[in-house]
């Protein structure tokens, strides 16, 4: 999978030879956004499991 991603990236870089700096910056930002989204999902789903085992919250017992 990674091999195909590199080939596609190289093809797009070759097509935009004069403007490859923008392509590289955009690719980096998209990958960074994916990593941040994955981390947010991991912490969110992990935190939900941790709080559900602790019983009712203070707001629910009022």
PDB file of N, CA and C in Angstrom:
ATOM      1  N   UNK A   1       0.823  -1.187   0.000  1.00  0.00           N
ATOM      2  CA  UNK A   1       0.000   0.000   0.000  1.00  0.00           C
ATOM      3  C   UNK A   1       0.873   1.259   0.000  1.00  0.00           C
ATOM      4  N   UNK A   2       1.891   1.238   0.837  1.00  0.00           N
ATOM      5  CA  UNK A   2       2.778   2.396   0.909  1.00  0.00           C
ATOM      6  C   UNK A   2       3.521   2.605  -0.414  1.00  0.00           C
ATOM      7  N   UNK A   3       3.855   1.502  -1.071  1.00  0.00           N
ATOM      8  CA  UNK A   3       4.560   1.608  -2.353  1.00  0.00           C
ATOM      9  C   UNK A   3       3.690   2.338  -3.380  1.00  0.00           C
ATOM     10  N   UNK A   4       2.394   2.015  -3.423  1.00  0.00           N
ATOM     11  CA  UNK A   4       1.495   2.675  -4.363  1.00  0.00           C
ATOM     12  C   UNK A   4       1.290   4.150  -4.003  1.00  0.00           C
ATOM     13  N   UNK A   5       1.243   4.439  -2.718  1.00  0.00           N
ATOM     14  CA  UNK A   5       1.095   5.829  -2.291  1.00  0.00           C
ATOM     15  C   UNK A   5       2.305   6.656  -2.723  1.00  0.00           C
ATOM     16  N   UNK A   6       3.484   6.068  -2.623  1.00  0.00           N
ATOM     17  CA  UNK A   6       4.705   6.775  -3.028  1.00  0.00           C
ATOM     18  C   UNK A   6       4.715   6.982  -4.543  1.00  0.00           C
ATOM     19  N   UNK A   7       4.264   5.985  -5.290  1.00  0.00           N
ATOM     20  CA  UNK A   7       4.220   6.120  -6.747  1.00  0.00           C
ATOM     21  C   UNK A   7       3.241   7.208  -7.153  1.00  0.00           C
ATOM     22  N   UNK A   8       2.061   7.237  -6.537  1.00  0.00           N
ATOM     23  CA  UNK A   8       1.067   8.268  -6.850  1.00  0.00           C
ATOM     24  C   UNK A   8       1.601   9.645  -6.485  1.00  0.00           C
ATOM     25  N   UNK A   9       2.230   9.750  -5.322  1.00  0.00           N
ATOM     26  CA  UNK A   9       2.808  11.036  -4.909  1.00  0.00           C
ATOM     27  C   UNK A   9       3.882  11.491  -5.901  1.00  0.00           C
ATOM     28  N   UNK A  10       4.733  10.568  -6.323  1.00  0.00           N
ATOM     29  CA  UNK A  10       5.786  10.922  -7.279  1.00  0.00           C
ATOM     30  C   UNK A  10       5.195  11.355  -8.620  1.00  0.00           C
ATOM     31  N   UNK A  11       4.109  10.709  -9.024  1.00  0.00           N
ATOM     32  CA  UNK A  11       3.464  11.088 -10.287  1.00  0.00           C
ATOM     33  C   UNK A  11       2.887  12.497 -10.185  1.00  0.00           C
ATOM     34  N   UNK A  12       2.212  12.804  -9.080  1.00  0.00           N
ATOM     35  CA  UNK A  12       1.674  14.154  -8.901  1.00  0.00           C
ATOM     36  C   UNK A  12       2.789  15.188  -8.790  1.00  0.00           C
ATOM     37  N   UNK A  13       3.879  14.824  -8.142  1.00  0.00           N
ATOM     38  CA  UNK A  13       5.008  15.747  -8.037  1.00  0.00           C
ATOM     39  C   UNK A  13       5.612  16.015  -9.410  1.00  0.00           C
ATOM     40  N   UNK A  14       5.661  14.985 -10.248  1.00  0.00           N
ATOM     41  CA  UNK A  14       6.201  15.170 -11.601  1.00  0.00           C
ATOM     42  C   UNK A  14       5.265  16.037 -12.448  1.00  0.00           C
ATOM     43  N   UNK A  15       3.955  15.875 -12.255  1.00  0.00           N
ATOM     44  CA  UNK A  15       3.008  16.680 -13.030  1.00  0.00           C
ATOM     45  C   UNK A  15       3.059  18.154 -12.634  1.00  0.00           C
ATOM     46  N   UNK A  16       3.359  18.425 -11.384  1.00  0.00           N
ATOM     47  CA  UNK A  16       3.437  19.815 -10.905  1.00  0.00           C
ATOM     48  C   UNK A  16       4.882  20.144 -10.580  1.00  0.00           C
ATOM     49  N   UNK A  17       5.761  19.930 -11.544  1.00  0.00           N
ATOM     50  CA  UNK A  17       7.203  20.056 -11.308  1.00  0.00           C
ATOM     51  C   UNK A  17       7.600  21.452 -10.833  1.00  0.00           C
ATOM     52  N   UNK A  18       6.995  22.487 -11.352  1.00  0.00           N
ATOM     53  CA  UNK A  18       7.363  23.839 -10.937  1.00  0.00           C
ATOM     54  C   UNK A  18       6.803  24.235  -9.592  1.00  0.00           C
ATOM     55  N   UNK A  19       5.786  23.510  -9.117  1.00  0.00           N
ATOM     56  CA  UNK A  19       5.105  23.895  -7.887  1.00  0.00           C
ATOM     57  C   UNK A  19       5.075  22.740  -6.890  1.00  0.00           C
ATOM     58  N   UNK A  20       6.138  21.934  -6.852  1.00  0.00           N
ATOM     59  CA  UNK A  20       6.143  20.752  -5.993  1.00  0.00           C
ATOM     60  C   UNK A  20       6.280  21.106  -4.516  1.00  0.00           C
ATOM     61  N   UNK A  21       6.762  22.295  -4.201  1.00  0.00           N
ATOM     62  CA  UNK A  21       6.840  22.699  -2.797  1.00  0.00           C
ATOM     63  C   UNK A  21       5.468  22.818  -2.172  1.00  0.00           C
ATOM     64  N   UNK A  22       4.514  23.308  -2.938  1.00  0.00           N
ATOM     65  CA  UNK A  22       3.147  23.408  -2.442  1.00  0.00           C
ATOM     66  C   UNK A  22       2.544  22.022  -2.264  1.00  0.00           C
ATOM     67  N   UNK A  23       2.825  21.116  -3.202  1.00  0.00           N
ATOM     68  CA  UNK A  23       2.314  19.755  -3.103  1.00  0.00           C
ATOM     69  C   UNK A  23       2.862  19.071  -1.858  1.00  0.00           C
ATOM     70  N   UNK A  24       4.135  19.248  -1.584  1.00  0.00           N
ATOM     71  CA  UNK A  24       4.748  18.639  -0.408  1.00  0.00           C
ATOM     72  C   UNK A  24       4.157  19.217   0.869  1.00  0.00           C
ATOM     73  N   UNK A  25       3.957  20.520   0.917  1.00  0.00           N
ATOM     74  CA  UNK A  25       3.388  21.147   2.107  1.00  0.00           C
ATOM     75  C   UNK A  25       1.956  20.684   2.330  1.00  0.00           C
ATOM     76  N   UNK A  26       1.164  20.614   1.264  1.00  0.00           N
ATOM     77  CA  UNK A  26      -0.217  20.150   1.394  1.00  0.00           C
ATOM     78  C   UNK A  26      -0.281  18.695   1.828  1.00  0.00           C
ATOM     79  N   UNK A  27       0.586  17.867   1.281  1.00  0.00           N
ATOM     80  CA  UNK A  27       0.624  16.457   1.661  1.00  0.00           C
ATOM     81  C   UNK A  27       0.977  16.314   3.133  1.00  0.00           C
ATOM     82  N   UNK A  28       1.957  17.082   3.599  1.00  0.00           N
ATOM     83  CA  UNK A  28       2.346  17.024   5.002  1.00  0.00           C
ATOM     84  C   UNK A  28       1.195  17.457   5.902  1.00  0.00           C
ATOM     85  N   UNK A  29       0.481  18.513   5.529  1.00  0.00           N
ATOM     86  CA  UNK A  29      -0.630  18.985   6.347  1.00  0.00           C
ATOM     87  C   UNK A  29      -1.774  17.975   6.388  1.00  0.00           C
ATOM     88  N   UNK A  30      -2.047  17.317   5.282  1.00  0.00           N
ATOM     89  CA  UNK A  30      -3.094  16.297   5.257  1.00  0.00           C
ATOM     90  C   UNK A  30      -2.709  15.116   6.151  1.00  0.00           C
ATOM     91  N   UNK A  31      -1.462  14.681   6.061  1.00  0.00           N
ATOM     92  CA  UNK A  31      -1.009  13.582   6.915  1.00  0.00           C
ATOM     93  C   UNK A  31      -1.028  13.979   8.386  1.00  0.00           C
ATOM     94  N   UNK A  32      -0.628  15.202   8.695  1.00  0.00           N
ATOM     95  CA  UNK A  32      -0.659  15.675  10.073  1.00  0.00           C
ATOM     96  C   UNK A  32      -2.092  15.726  10.593  1.00  0.00           C
ATOM     97  N   UNK A  33      -3.014  16.185   9.760  1.00  0.00           N
ATOM     98  CA  UNK A  33      -4.417  16.205  10.152  1.00  0.00           C
ATOM     99  C   UNK A  33      -4.951  14.805  10.414  1.00  0.00           C
ATOM    100  N   UNK A  34      -4.540  13.843   9.624  1.00  0.00           N
ATOM    101  CA  UNK A  34      -4.947  12.453   9.842  1.00  0.00           C
ATOM    102  C   UNK A  34      -4.424  11.898  11.149  1.00  0.00           C
ATOM    103  N   UNK A  35      -3.183  12.215  11.479  1.00  0.00           N
ATOM    104  CA  UNK A  35      -2.597  11.757  12.741  1.00  0.00           C
ATOM    105  C   UNK A  35      -3.324  12.390  13.923  1.00  0.00           C
ATOM    106  N   UNK A  36      -3.618  13.681  13.822  1.00  0.00           N
ATOM    107  CA  UNK A  36      -4.333  14.370  14.905  1.00  0.00           C
ATOM    108  C   UNK A  36      -5.736  13.804  15.066  1.00  0.00           C
ATOM    109  N   UNK A  37      -6.427  13.540  13.967  1.00  0.00           N
ATOM    110  CA  UNK A  37      -7.764  12.962  14.032  1.00  0.00           C
ATOM    111  C   UNK A  37      -7.725  11.571  14.658  1.00  0.00           C
ATOM    112  N   UNK A  38      -6.744  10.769  14.285  1.00  0.00           N
ATOM    113  CA  UNK A  38      -6.612   9.430  14.861  1.00  0.00           C
ATOM    114  C   UNK A  38      -6.335   9.499  16.362  1.00  0.00           C
ATOM    115  N   UNK A  39      -5.491  10.443  16.784  1.00  0.00           N
ATOM    116  CA  UNK A  39      -5.203  10.589  18.208  1.00  0.00           C
ATOM    117  C   UNK A  39      -6.440  11.059  18.970  1.00  0.00           C
ATOM    118  N   UNK A  40      -7.194  11.976  18.390  1.00  0.00           N
ATOM    119  CA  UNK A  40      -8.412  12.455  19.052  1.00  0.00           C
ATOM    120  C   UNK A  40      -9.428  11.328  19.205  1.00  0.00           C
ATOM    121  N   UNK A  41      -9.586  10.516  18.176  1.00  0.00           N
ATOM    122  CA  UNK A  41     -10.494   9.372  18.276  1.00  0.00           C
ATOM    123  C   UNK A  41     -10.022   8.375  19.330  1.00  0.00           C
ATOM    124  N   UNK A  42      -8.720   8.117  19.359  1.00  0.00           N
ATOM    125  CA  UNK A  42      -8.186   7.157  20.327  1.00  0.00           C
ATOM    126  C   UNK A  42      -8.397   7.633  21.762  1.00  0.00           C
ATOM    127  N   UNK A  43      -8.100   8.901  22.025  1.00  0.00           N
ATOM    128  CA  UNK A  43      -8.289   9.424  23.375  1.00  0.00           C
ATOM    129  C   UNK A  43      -9.766   9.512  23.728  1.00  0.00           C
ATOM    130  N   UNK A  44     -10.590   9.898  22.771  1.00  0.00           N
ATOM    131  CA  UNK A  44     -12.023  10.017  23.036  1.00  0.00           C
ATOM    132  C   UNK A  44     -12.669   8.681  23.329  1.00  0.00           C
ATOM    133  N   UNK A  45     -12.395   7.692  22.489  1.00  0.00           N
ATOM    134  CA  UNK A  45     -12.979   6.375  22.702  1.00  0.00           C
ATOM    135  C   UNK A  45     -12.386   5.686  23.929  1.00  0.00           C
ATOM    136  N   UNK A  46     -11.111   5.884  24.162  1.00  0.00           N
ATOM    137  CA  UNK A  46     -10.482   5.308  25.358  1.00  0.00           C
ATOM    138  C   UNK A  46     -11.003   5.940  26.636  1.00  0.00           C
ATOM    139  N   UNK A  47     -11.218   7.247  26.621  1.00  0.00           N
ATOM    140  CA  UNK A  47     -11.750   7.935  27.792  1.00  0.00           C
ATOM    141  C   UNK A  47     -13.185   7.550  28.070  1.00  0.00           C
ATOM    142  N   UNK A  48     -13.954   7.293  27.021  1.00  0.00           N
ATOM    143  CA  UNK A  48     -15.345   6.897  27.211  1.00  0.00           C
ATOM    144  C   UNK A  48     -15.421   5.553  27.925  1.00  0.00           C
ATOM    145  N   UNK A  49     -14.557   4.625  27.565  1.00  0.00           N
ATOM    146  CA  UNK A  49     -14.551   3.318  28.218  1.00  0.00           C
ATOM    147  C   UNK A  49     -14.111   3.438  29.672  1.00  0.00           C
ATOM    148  N   UNK A  50     -13.175   4.328  29.942  1.00  0.00           N
ATOM    149  CA  UNK A  50     -12.695   4.494  31.313  1.00  0.00           C
ATOM    150  C   UNK A  50     -13.724   5.125  32.228  1.00  0.00           C
ATOM    151  N   UNK A  51     -14.500   6.059  31.728  1.00  0.00           N
ATOM    152  CA  UNK A  51     -15.473   6.727  32.581  1.00  0.00           C
ATOM    153  C   UNK A  51     -16.729   5.901  32.771  1.00  0.00           C
ATOM    154  N   UNK A  52     -17.060   5.032  31.820  1.00  0.00           N
ATOM    155  CA  UNK A  52     -18.276   4.237  31.979  1.00  0.00           C
ATOM    156  C   UNK A  52     -18.133   3.186  33.059  1.00  0.00           C
ATOM    157  N   UNK A  53     -16.914   2.777  33.385  1.00  0.00           N
ATOM    158  CA  UNK A  53     -16.721   1.772  34.415  1.00  0.00           C
ATOM    159  C   UNK A  53     -16.660   2.370  35.824  1.00  0.00           C
ATOM    160  N   UNK A  54     -16.676   3.692  35.925  1.00  0.00           N
ATOM    161  CA  UNK A  54     -16.573   4.328  37.236  1.00  0.00           C
ATOM    162  C   UNK A  54     -17.935   4.603  37.873  1.00  0.00           C
ATOM    163  N   UNK A  55     -18.982   4.315  37.181  1.00  0.00           N
ATOM    164  CA  UNK A  55     -20.312   4.514  37.754  1.00  0.00           C
ATOM    165  C   UNK A  55     -20.899   5.845  37.366  1.00  0.00           C
ATOM    166  N   UNK A  56     -21.995   6.237  38.014  1.00  0.00           N
ATOM    167  CA  UNK A  56     -22.674   7.496  37.647  1.00  0.00           C
ATOM    168  C   UNK A  56     -21.830   8.725  37.997  1.00  0.00           C
ATOM    169  N   UNK A  57     -22.014   9.756  37.217  1.00  0.00           N
ATOM    170  CA  UNK A  57     -21.278  11.007  37.455  1.00  0.00           C
ATOM    171  C   UNK A  57     -22.010  11.842  38.481  1.00  0.00           C
ATOM    172  N   UNK A  58     -21.383  12.889  38.930  1.00  0.00           N
ATOM    173  CA  UNK A  58     -21.989  13.783  39.927  1.00  0.00           C
ATOM    174  C   UNK A  58     -23.222  14.480  39.347  1.00  0.00           C
ATOM    175  N   UNK A  59     -23.196  14.789  38.066  1.00  0.00           N
ATOM    176  CA  UNK A  59     -24.332  15.472  37.451  1.00  0.00           C
ATOM    177  C   UNK A  59     -25.535  14.543  37.350  1.00  0.00           C
ATOM    178  N   UNK A  60     -25.321  13.248  37.219  1.00  0.00           N
ATOM    179  CA  UNK A  60     -26.419  12.304  37.079  1.00  0.00           C
ATOM    180  C   UNK A  60     -27.068  11.972  38.416  1.00  0.00           C
ATOM    181  N   UNK A  61     -26.378  12.219  39.522  1.00  0.00           N
ATOM    182  CA  UNK A  61     -26.923  11.863  40.824  1.00  0.00           C
ATOM    183  C   UNK A  61     -27.704  13.004  41.468  1.00  0.00           C
ATOM    184  N   UNK A  62     -27.781  14.164  40.837  1.00  0.00           N
ATOM    185  CA  UNK A  62     -28.505  15.301  41.423  1.00  0.00           C
ATOM    186  C   UNK A  62     -29.975  15.115  41.384  1.00  0.00           C
TER     187      UNK A  62
END
